[in-house]
Amino acid sequence: NFAMCRVVGALFLKETMAVAAADAASKAKEFMKHRKKFTDKLHHIFALADTSGDGCISSEEFKDMLTNPEVVTSFQELDLPLDDVSTLFFILSDGNGSANYAELLTGAMQMKRGAQNLDAITIVHGVDGVSKRVDQINDTLQTLLRRGDAGCPVRISNEP
């Protein structure tokens, strides 16, 4: 009798695990389908906005994009508030005044995960900007040192 109960219990457990695995696979498939729709819709918006065809959205193209009813509706369908999209563009476009599709897609995907991610985007983008500026300064200093400018009292070592 005890052995029979253990066998029945094992069968129930096996079936439960199979259902749980199928459910997890189904959720993963649904997530990927949703993500593909999201990226396709965002790509469509980007294509509408990039009137110059250079692969980037300039500040002017972005302003025009926000007046396009189709774009506004698409952002609403994606559950991306225009204020947040504007903030994202402002963050990503500092420096050169434009943002490319990859930057906007990555930022929008992170925004979908919550408002805190907009703060994270700001921080990461700021760090990237500082890093680029430090690299520019380093290149300039290295050029000055190679030229042997006597007016430069700084010695830079490649050692950490």
Protein backbone atom coordinates (compact mmCIF):
# COMPACT_ATOMS: atom_id res chain seq x y z
CA ASN A 1 0.00 0.00 0.00
CA PHE A 2 2.79 2.42 0.95
CA ALA A 3 4.68 1.62 -2.28
CA MET A 4 1.55 2.27 -4.32
CA CYS A 5 1.11 5.71 -2.69
CA ARG A 6 4.76 6.57 -3.47
CA VAL A 7 4.32 5.56 -7.13
CA VAL A 8 1.15 7.64 -7.48
CA GLY A 9 2.86 10.58 -5.76
CA ALA A 10 5.84 10.29 -8.12
CA LEU A 11 3.52 10.28 -11.13
CA PHE A 12 1.75 13.41 -9.89
CA LEU A 13 5.11 15.10 -9.31
CA LYS A 14 6.34 14.12 -12.78
CA GLU A 15 3.18 15.51 -14.40
CA THR A 16 3.40 18.73 -12.35
CA MET A 17 7.03 19.25 -13.41
CA ALA A 18 6.12 18.66 -17.07
CA VAL A 19 3.31 21.22 -16.87
CA ALA A 20 5.61 23.75 -15.16
CA ALA A 21 8.29 23.28 -17.84
CA ALA A 22 5.73 23.71 -20.62
CA ASP A 23 4.38 26.84 -18.90
CA ALA A 24 7.88 28.34 -18.61
CA ALA A 25 8.57 27.60 -22.28
CA SER A 26 5.23 29.14 -23.22
CA LYS A 27 5.97 32.29 -21.23
CA ALA A 28 9.43 32.60 -22.79
CA LYS A 29 7.93 32.21 -26.26
CA GLU A 30 5.27 34.83 -25.48
CA PHE A 31 7.94 37.21 -24.15
CA MET A 32 10.01 36.84 -27.32
CA LYS A 33 6.93 37.39 -29.48
CA HIS A 34 6.04 40.54 -27.51
CA ARG A 35 9.63 41.78 -27.70
CA LYS A 36 9.70 41.27 -31.48
CA LYS A 37 6.46 43.25 -31.90
CA PHE A 38 7.90 46.00 -29.69
CA THR A 39 11.16 46.24 -31.66
CA ASP A 40 9.33 46.09 -35.01
CA LYS A 41 6.99 48.91 -33.95
CA LEU A 42 9.89 50.99 -32.67
CA HIS A 43 11.81 50.37 -35.89
CA HIS A 44 8.77 51.59 -37.85
CA ILE A 45 8.66 54.76 -35.74
CA PHE A 46 12.37 55.28 -36.28
CA ALA A 47 12.00 54.82 -40.05
CA LEU A 48 9.20 57.41 -40.12
CA ALA A 49 11.28 59.88 -38.12
CA ASP A 50 14.59 59.45 -39.95
CA THR A 51 13.61 61.60 -42.92
CA SER A 52 17.26 62.22 -43.86
CA GLY A 53 17.96 58.49 -44.09
CA ASP A 54 21.29 58.81 -42.27
CA GLY A 55 20.48 56.22 -39.61
CA CYS A 56 20.14 58.80 -36.86
CA ILE A 57 17.34 61.00 -35.60
CA SER A 58 18.38 64.62 -35.31
CA SER A 59 16.80 67.08 -32.89
CA GLU A 60 14.79 68.56 -35.75
CA GLU A 61 13.59 65.14 -36.93
CA PHE A 62 12.66 64.27 -33.35
CA LYS A 63 10.56 67.43 -32.98
CA ASP A 64 8.82 66.67 -36.28
CA MET A 65 8.29 63.06 -35.17
CA LEU A 66 6.39 64.16 -32.08
CA THR A 67 3.90 66.06 -34.24
CA ASN A 68 3.17 63.01 -36.41
CA PRO A 69 -0.12 61.47 -35.22
CA GLU A 70 0.91 57.99 -36.37
CA VAL A 71 4.08 58.17 -34.28
CA VAL A 72 2.22 59.50 -31.23
CA THR A 73 -0.32 56.67 -31.53
CA SER A 74 2.48 54.11 -31.90
CA PHE A 75 4.19 55.34 -28.73
CA GLN A 76 0.86 55.11 -26.91
CA GLU A 77 0.39 51.53 -28.16
CA LEU A 78 3.86 50.70 -26.86
CA ASP A 79 2.93 52.26 -23.51
CA LEU A 80 5.79 54.75 -23.77
CA PRO A 81 4.77 58.21 -22.54
CA LEU A 82 5.94 61.02 -24.84
CA ASP A 83 7.53 62.84 -21.91
CA ASP A 84 9.69 59.80 -21.17
CA VAL A 85 10.57 59.37 -24.84
CA SER A 86 11.56 63.06 -25.00
CA THR A 87 13.71 62.66 -21.90
CA LEU A 88 15.34 59.57 -23.37
CA PHE A 89 16.12 61.39 -26.62
CA PHE A 90 17.51 64.37 -24.71
CA ILE A 91 19.80 62.04 -22.73
CA LEU A 92 20.98 60.07 -25.75
CA SER A 93 21.45 63.01 -28.08
CA ASP A 94 23.73 65.12 -25.91
CA GLY A 95 27.00 65.89 -27.57
CA ASN A 96 26.09 65.43 -31.22
CA GLY A 97 22.38 66.32 -31.19
CA SER A 98 21.23 63.01 -32.64
CA ALA A 99 20.57 59.44 -31.55
CA ASN A 100 20.76 56.24 -33.56
CA TYR A 101 18.29 53.37 -33.67
CA ALA A 102 20.32 51.04 -31.44
CA GLU A 103 20.55 53.69 -28.70
CA LEU A 104 16.84 54.45 -28.88
CA LEU A 105 15.86 50.78 -28.96
CA THR A 106 18.04 49.91 -25.97
CA GLY A 107 16.78 52.92 -24.03
CA ALA A 108 13.13 52.23 -24.86
CA MET A 109 13.46 48.57 -23.86
CA GLN A 110 14.92 49.65 -20.52
CA MET A 111 12.20 52.26 -20.08
CA LYS A 112 9.57 49.54 -20.46
CA ARG A 113 10.97 47.96 -17.32
CA GLY A 114 10.23 51.00 -15.17
CA ALA A 115 10.95 54.62 -14.33
CA GLN A 116 14.04 53.72 -12.32
CA ASN A 117 15.61 52.50 -15.54
CA LEU A 118 15.40 55.99 -17.02
CA ASP A 119 17.66 57.09 -14.17
CA ALA A 120 19.99 54.18 -14.94
CA ILE A 121 20.06 55.16 -18.62
CA THR A 122 21.00 58.70 -17.63
CA ILE A 123 23.85 57.46 -15.45
CA VAL A 124 25.21 54.95 -17.95
CA HIS A 125 25.02 57.45 -20.80
CA GLY A 126 26.73 60.07 -18.64
CA VAL A 127 29.53 57.68 -17.78
CA ASP A 128 29.96 56.83 -21.48
CA GLY A 129 30.22 60.54 -22.28
CA VAL A 130 32.80 61.11 -19.56
CA SER A 131 34.76 58.09 -20.73
CA LYS A 132 34.83 59.40 -24.32
CA ARG A 133 35.95 62.81 -23.09
CA VAL A 134 38.73 61.28 -20.97
CA ASP A 135 39.90 59.32 -24.03
CA GLN A 136 39.97 62.55 -26.07
CA ILE A 137 42.00 64.31 -23.38
CA ASN A 138 44.39 61.36 -23.18
CA ASP A 139 44.83 61.37 -26.97
CA THR A 140 45.55 65.10 -26.93
CA LEU A 141 48.11 64.73 -24.14
CA GLN A 142 49.78 61.82 -25.91
CA THR A 143 50.01 63.90 -29.10
CA LEU A 144 51.56 66.79 -27.19
CA LEU A 145 54.09 64.49 -25.56
CA ARG A 146 55.02 62.88 -28.88
CA ARG A 147 55.61 66.30 -30.41
CA GLY A 148 57.83 67.12 -27.46
CA ASP A 149 56.17 70.43 -26.60
CA ALA A 150 58.50 72.05 -24.09
CA GLY A 151 55.64 73.94 -22.47
CA CYS A 152 54.04 70.73 -21.21
CA PRO A 153 55.43 69.88 -17.75
CA VAL A 154 53.24 66.77 -17.44
CA ARG A 155 54.74 63.32 -17.70
CA ILE A 156 52.26 60.54 -18.34
CA SER A 157 53.14 57.00 -17.47
CA ASN A 158 51.36 54.04 -18.98
CA GLU A 159 51.68 52.24 -15.65
CA PRO A 160 48.54 51.98 -13.49
